[in-house]
N, C-alpha and C. Protein backbone atom coordinates (compact mmCIF):
# COMPACT_ATOMS: atom_id res chain seq x y z
N MET A 1 82.99 119.96 99.22
CA MET A 1 82.58 121.15 99.93
C MET A 1 81.09 121.38 99.70
N HIS A 2 80.48 122.04 100.63
CA HIS A 2 79.06 122.31 100.54
C HIS A 2 78.83 123.77 100.20
N TYR A 3 78.01 124.00 99.21
CA TYR A 3 77.63 125.34 98.85
C TYR A 3 76.11 125.45 98.98
N PRO A 4 75.57 126.65 99.19
CA PRO A 4 74.14 126.80 99.47
C PRO A 4 73.22 126.14 98.43
N ARG A 5 73.60 126.16 97.17
CA ARG A 5 72.74 125.59 96.13
C ARG A 5 72.95 124.09 95.96
N ASP A 6 73.94 123.53 96.58
CA ASP A 6 74.23 122.10 96.44
C ASP A 6 73.38 121.29 97.40
N TYR A 7 73.30 120.00 97.13
CA TYR A 7 72.59 119.09 98.03
C TYR A 7 73.47 118.75 99.22
N GLU A 8 72.83 118.37 100.30
CA GLU A 8 73.56 117.98 101.51
C GLU A 8 74.26 116.65 101.27
N SER A 9 75.47 116.55 101.72
CA SER A 9 76.22 115.31 101.57
C SER A 9 77.03 115.07 102.84
N SER A 10 77.18 113.81 103.18
CA SER A 10 77.98 113.47 104.35
C SER A 10 79.40 113.07 103.97
N THR A 11 79.80 113.34 102.73
CA THR A 11 81.14 112.99 102.26
C THR A 11 82.22 113.70 103.06
N LYS A 12 82.00 114.97 103.35
CA LYS A 12 82.98 115.75 104.10
C LYS A 12 83.18 115.17 105.49
N LEU A 13 82.08 114.81 106.14
CA LEU A 13 82.16 114.17 107.46
C LEU A 13 82.88 112.83 107.36
N LEU A 14 82.60 112.07 106.32
CA LEU A 14 83.21 110.76 106.14
C LEU A 14 84.73 110.85 106.04
N TYR A 15 85.22 111.71 105.15
CA TYR A 15 86.68 111.75 105.01
C TYR A 15 87.36 112.40 106.20
N HIS A 16 86.70 113.32 106.88
CA HIS A 16 87.30 113.86 108.10
C HIS A 16 87.40 112.78 109.18
N LEU A 17 86.36 111.98 109.33
CA LEU A 17 86.39 110.90 110.32
C LEU A 17 87.42 109.85 109.96
N LEU A 18 87.50 109.49 108.69
CA LEU A 18 88.49 108.50 108.27
C LEU A 18 89.91 108.99 108.55
N ILE A 19 90.19 110.22 108.22
CA ILE A 19 91.53 110.75 108.44
C ILE A 19 91.84 110.86 109.93
N PHE A 20 90.92 111.42 110.70
CA PHE A 20 91.18 111.62 112.13
C PHE A 20 91.32 110.29 112.87
N TYR A 21 90.32 109.43 112.74
CA TYR A 21 90.38 108.17 113.49
C TYR A 21 91.43 107.23 112.94
N GLY A 22 91.72 107.31 111.65
CA GLY A 22 92.81 106.51 111.09
C GLY A 22 94.15 106.93 111.66
N PHE A 23 94.37 108.23 111.73
CA PHE A 23 95.62 108.74 112.30
C PHE A 23 95.73 108.38 113.77
N ALA A 24 94.63 108.53 114.51
CA ALA A 24 94.63 108.18 115.93
C ALA A 24 94.88 106.69 116.13
N LEU A 25 94.22 105.86 115.33
CA LEU A 25 94.38 104.42 115.44
C LEU A 25 95.81 104.00 115.12
N ALA A 26 96.41 104.65 114.14
CA ALA A 26 97.76 104.28 113.71
C ALA A 26 98.83 104.70 114.71
N THR A 27 98.55 105.69 115.54
CA THR A 27 99.61 106.19 116.41
C THR A 27 99.42 105.89 117.89
N ILE A 28 98.20 105.87 118.36
CA ILE A 28 97.98 105.77 119.81
C ILE A 28 98.43 104.43 120.38
N ILE A 29 98.08 103.33 119.72
CA ILE A 29 98.45 102.00 120.24
C ILE A 29 99.97 101.85 120.25
N GLY A 30 100.63 102.29 119.18
CA GLY A 30 102.09 102.23 119.14
C GLY A 30 102.74 103.08 120.21
N ALA A 31 102.16 104.25 120.47
CA ALA A 31 102.70 105.12 121.52
C ALA A 31 102.52 104.49 122.90
N ILE A 32 101.40 103.83 123.12
CA ILE A 32 101.18 103.15 124.41
C ILE A 32 102.18 102.02 124.60
N TYR A 33 102.41 101.25 123.54
CA TYR A 33 103.38 100.16 123.64
C TYR A 33 104.77 100.69 123.97
N GLU A 34 105.18 101.77 123.32
CA GLU A 34 106.53 102.27 123.53
C GLU A 34 106.68 103.07 124.82
N ASP A 35 105.76 103.98 125.08
CA ASP A 35 105.92 104.91 126.20
C ASP A 35 105.42 104.38 127.53
N VAL A 36 104.35 103.60 127.50
CA VAL A 36 103.78 103.09 128.75
C VAL A 36 104.32 101.70 129.07
N LEU A 37 104.28 100.81 128.08
CA LEU A 37 104.71 99.43 128.31
C LEU A 37 106.21 99.22 128.09
N HIS A 38 106.88 100.20 127.52
CA HIS A 38 108.33 100.16 127.24
C HIS A 38 108.72 98.97 126.37
N ILE A 39 107.86 98.64 125.41
CA ILE A 39 108.16 97.62 124.41
C ILE A 39 108.59 98.37 123.16
N LEU A 40 109.86 98.22 122.80
CA LEU A 40 110.40 99.00 121.69
C LEU A 40 110.09 98.35 120.35
N ASN A 41 109.98 99.17 119.34
CA ASN A 41 109.75 98.64 118.00
C ASN A 41 111.07 98.25 117.36
N PRO A 42 111.11 97.50 116.30
CA PRO A 42 109.99 97.08 115.46
C PRO A 42 109.19 95.95 116.11
N PHE A 43 107.88 96.10 116.06
CA PHE A 43 106.99 95.10 116.61
C PHE A 43 106.81 93.96 115.61
N PRO A 44 106.50 92.77 116.11
CA PRO A 44 106.18 91.69 115.17
C PRO A 44 104.93 92.04 114.35
N ILE A 45 104.80 91.41 113.21
CA ILE A 45 103.69 91.70 112.30
C ILE A 45 102.34 91.41 112.96
N THR A 46 102.29 90.44 113.85
CA THR A 46 101.03 90.06 114.50
C THR A 46 100.71 90.89 115.74
N ASN A 47 101.55 91.85 116.07
CA ASN A 47 101.33 92.70 117.23
C ASN A 47 100.12 93.61 117.00
N PRO A 48 99.30 93.84 118.02
CA PRO A 48 98.14 94.73 117.85
C PRO A 48 98.52 96.15 117.38
N ALA A 49 99.69 96.63 117.75
CA ALA A 49 100.12 97.96 117.30
C ALA A 49 100.31 97.98 115.78
N VAL A 50 100.84 96.91 115.23
CA VAL A 50 101.04 96.84 113.78
C VAL A 50 99.70 96.67 113.07
N ILE A 51 98.86 95.82 113.59
CA ILE A 51 97.56 95.57 112.96
C ILE A 51 96.70 96.84 112.96
N THR A 52 96.64 97.53 114.09
CA THR A 52 95.86 98.77 114.13
C THR A 52 96.53 99.87 113.31
N GLY A 53 97.85 99.84 113.25
CA GLY A 53 98.56 100.80 112.41
C GLY A 53 98.25 100.62 110.94
N VAL A 54 98.15 99.37 110.50
CA VAL A 54 97.79 99.10 109.10
C VAL A 54 96.35 99.54 108.83
N MET A 55 95.45 99.21 109.74
CA MET A 55 94.06 99.64 109.58
C MET A 55 93.97 101.16 109.54
N GLY A 56 94.67 101.83 110.45
CA GLY A 56 94.68 103.29 110.48
C GLY A 56 95.31 103.88 109.23
N GLY A 57 96.37 103.25 108.74
CA GLY A 57 97.02 103.72 107.53
C GLY A 57 96.08 103.67 106.33
N PHE A 58 95.34 102.57 106.21
CA PHE A 58 94.37 102.47 105.12
C PHE A 58 93.23 103.47 105.28
N MET A 59 92.84 103.74 106.52
CA MET A 59 91.79 104.74 106.75
C MET A 59 92.27 106.13 106.34
N VAL A 60 93.49 106.49 106.71
CA VAL A 60 94.04 107.80 106.33
C VAL A 60 94.20 107.89 104.82
N LEU A 61 94.68 106.82 104.21
CA LEU A 61 94.86 106.78 102.76
C LEU A 61 93.52 106.97 102.05
N THR A 62 92.51 106.25 102.48
CA THR A 62 91.18 106.35 101.87
C THR A 62 90.57 107.74 102.10
N GLY A 63 90.64 108.23 103.33
CA GLY A 63 90.10 109.56 103.62
C GLY A 63 90.79 110.66 102.84
N SER A 64 92.09 110.55 102.69
CA SER A 64 92.85 111.57 101.94
C SER A 64 92.49 111.54 100.46
N LEU A 65 92.34 110.35 99.91
CA LEU A 65 91.96 110.26 98.49
C LEU A 65 90.55 110.80 98.26
N ILE A 66 89.63 110.51 99.17
CA ILE A 66 88.28 111.06 99.06
C ILE A 66 88.31 112.58 99.17
N ALA A 67 89.11 113.10 100.09
CA ALA A 67 89.21 114.56 100.26
C ALA A 67 89.76 115.23 99.01
N LEU A 68 90.80 114.66 98.44
CA LEU A 68 91.38 115.23 97.22
C LEU A 68 90.38 115.18 96.06
N TYR A 69 89.70 114.06 95.94
CA TYR A 69 88.73 113.91 94.85
C TYR A 69 87.57 114.89 95.00
N THR A 70 87.02 114.99 96.20
CA THR A 70 85.87 115.90 96.39
C THR A 70 86.28 117.35 96.20
N ARG A 71 87.48 117.69 96.60
CA ARG A 71 87.96 119.07 96.38
C ARG A 71 88.12 119.35 94.89
N TYR A 72 88.67 118.38 94.17
CA TYR A 72 88.84 118.54 92.72
C TYR A 72 87.49 118.68 92.02
N VAL A 73 86.54 117.82 92.37
CA VAL A 73 85.21 117.86 91.75
C VAL A 73 84.50 119.16 92.13
N SER A 74 84.63 119.60 93.37
CA SER A 74 84.00 120.83 93.83
C SER A 74 84.53 122.03 93.06
N VAL A 75 85.83 122.11 92.91
CA VAL A 75 86.44 123.23 92.19
C VAL A 75 86.04 123.18 90.72
N LYS A 76 86.01 121.98 90.15
CA LYS A 76 85.67 121.83 88.74
C LYS A 76 84.22 122.24 88.49
N ASN A 77 83.31 121.90 89.41
CA ASN A 77 81.90 122.24 89.24
C ASN A 77 81.63 123.72 89.46
N GLN A 78 82.37 124.37 90.34
CA GLN A 78 82.10 125.77 90.65
C GLN A 78 82.66 126.72 89.60
N ARG A 79 83.78 126.39 89.02
CA ARG A 79 84.44 127.16 87.96
C ARG A 79 84.87 128.56 88.39
N LEU A 80 84.45 129.00 89.55
CA LEU A 80 84.87 130.32 90.03
C LEU A 80 86.03 130.21 91.01
N ILE A 81 86.21 129.03 91.57
CA ILE A 81 87.24 128.80 92.57
C ILE A 81 88.42 128.13 91.88
N GLU A 82 89.59 128.66 92.09
CA GLU A 82 90.78 128.03 91.53
C GLU A 82 91.30 126.97 92.48
N PHE A 83 91.82 125.90 91.90
CA PHE A 83 92.41 124.85 92.71
C PHE A 83 93.80 125.28 93.13
N SER A 84 94.01 125.38 94.43
CA SER A 84 95.29 125.80 94.96
C SER A 84 95.94 124.61 95.65
N VAL A 85 97.18 124.39 95.36
CA VAL A 85 97.91 123.28 95.96
C VAL A 85 98.04 123.48 97.47
N ILE A 86 98.19 124.71 97.89
CA ILE A 86 98.36 124.99 99.32
C ILE A 86 97.10 124.62 100.11
N ASP A 87 95.93 124.65 99.46
CA ASP A 87 94.70 124.26 100.13
C ASP A 87 94.73 122.81 100.58
N MET A 88 95.38 121.99 99.82
CA MET A 88 95.37 120.56 100.10
C MET A 88 96.73 120.04 100.57
N ALA A 89 97.61 120.91 101.00
CA ALA A 89 98.96 120.50 101.39
C ALA A 89 98.96 119.49 102.54
N LEU A 90 98.15 119.73 103.55
CA LEU A 90 98.10 118.81 104.68
C LEU A 90 97.54 117.46 104.28
N VAL A 91 96.52 117.46 103.44
CA VAL A 91 95.93 116.21 102.99
C VAL A 91 96.94 115.41 102.17
N VAL A 92 97.66 116.09 101.29
CA VAL A 92 98.68 115.41 100.49
C VAL A 92 99.78 114.86 101.40
N GLU A 93 100.17 115.64 102.39
CA GLU A 93 101.19 115.18 103.33
C GLU A 93 100.72 113.94 104.09
N LEU A 94 99.50 113.94 104.59
CA LEU A 94 98.96 112.77 105.28
C LEU A 94 98.86 111.57 104.35
N LEU A 95 98.48 111.82 103.11
CA LEU A 95 98.41 110.75 102.11
C LEU A 95 99.78 110.12 101.90
N LEU A 96 100.80 110.95 101.77
CA LEU A 96 102.15 110.44 101.55
C LEU A 96 102.70 109.72 102.78
N VAL A 97 102.40 110.21 103.96
CA VAL A 97 102.86 109.55 105.19
C VAL A 97 102.21 108.18 105.31
N ALA A 98 100.91 108.10 105.07
CA ALA A 98 100.21 106.82 105.15
C ALA A 98 100.72 105.86 104.09
N LEU A 99 100.90 106.35 102.88
CA LEU A 99 101.36 105.49 101.79
C LEU A 99 102.77 104.97 102.05
N THR A 100 103.69 105.84 102.46
CA THR A 100 105.05 105.37 102.72
C THR A 100 105.11 104.44 103.93
N GLY A 101 104.27 104.69 104.95
CA GLY A 101 104.23 103.79 106.09
C GLY A 101 103.77 102.40 105.70
N LEU A 102 102.75 102.33 104.86
CA LEU A 102 102.26 101.03 104.40
C LEU A 102 103.29 100.35 103.50
N LEU A 103 103.99 101.13 102.68
CA LEU A 103 105.04 100.56 101.83
C LEU A 103 106.20 100.02 102.65
N VAL A 104 106.60 100.74 103.68
CA VAL A 104 107.69 100.27 104.55
C VAL A 104 107.30 98.95 105.20
N LEU A 105 106.08 98.86 105.69
CA LEU A 105 105.62 97.63 106.31
C LEU A 105 105.55 96.49 105.29
N THR A 106 105.12 96.79 104.08
CA THR A 106 105.06 95.77 103.02
C THR A 106 106.46 95.26 102.69
N PHE A 107 107.42 96.17 102.52
CA PHE A 107 108.79 95.76 102.23
C PHE A 107 109.40 94.98 103.39
N ARG A 108 109.07 95.38 104.61
CA ARG A 108 109.56 94.65 105.78
C ARG A 108 109.02 93.23 105.80
N LEU A 109 107.75 93.09 105.46
CA LEU A 109 107.13 91.76 105.40
C LEU A 109 107.76 90.92 104.30
N ILE A 110 108.01 91.52 103.14
CA ILE A 110 108.63 90.79 102.03
C ILE A 110 110.04 90.35 102.40
N LEU A 111 110.83 91.25 102.99
CA LEU A 111 112.19 90.90 103.38
C LEU A 111 112.22 89.85 104.48
N THR A 112 111.29 89.91 105.41
CA THR A 112 111.22 88.90 106.48
C THR A 112 110.89 87.53 105.89
N ARG A 113 109.97 87.49 104.97
CA ARG A 113 109.62 86.21 104.34
C ARG A 113 110.77 85.70 103.48
N HIS A 114 111.47 86.63 102.80
CA HIS A 114 112.59 86.23 101.95
C HIS A 114 113.73 85.66 102.79
N LYS A 115 114.01 86.26 103.95
CA LYS A 115 115.06 85.75 104.84
C LYS A 115 114.72 84.37 105.38
N SER A 116 113.44 84.15 105.69
CA SER A 116 113.05 82.86 106.26
C SER A 116 113.08 81.75 105.21
N CYS A 117 113.00 82.12 103.91
CA CYS A 117 113.04 81.12 102.86
C CYS A 117 114.47 80.69 102.54
N THR A 118 115.46 81.53 102.84
CA THR A 118 116.84 81.20 102.50
C THR A 118 117.56 80.56 103.65
């Protein structure tokens, strides 16, 4: 967060862009495949929807972690502002959605490779 006595930083812009464009990247291509092209999921791992979804997932994950860290450091430095969990509820939710989505894809990849080996 920026306060009048603090130096200017583009960190806030960075994590907002990472979260927004990561979420957009992870969902828009998949929605186009399903709703416009009528190609139902699960998509193959090499499908552009999966590749952009993974990139978007990592962007949301990174942006959420930066947001949580900067909020924690900001509250710690100010000492007058209390850290409230409700302030960061959406960021934590996005972090968990991105993390579980990447984990599901990882487990799917592991199971697919395991089936092909047997």
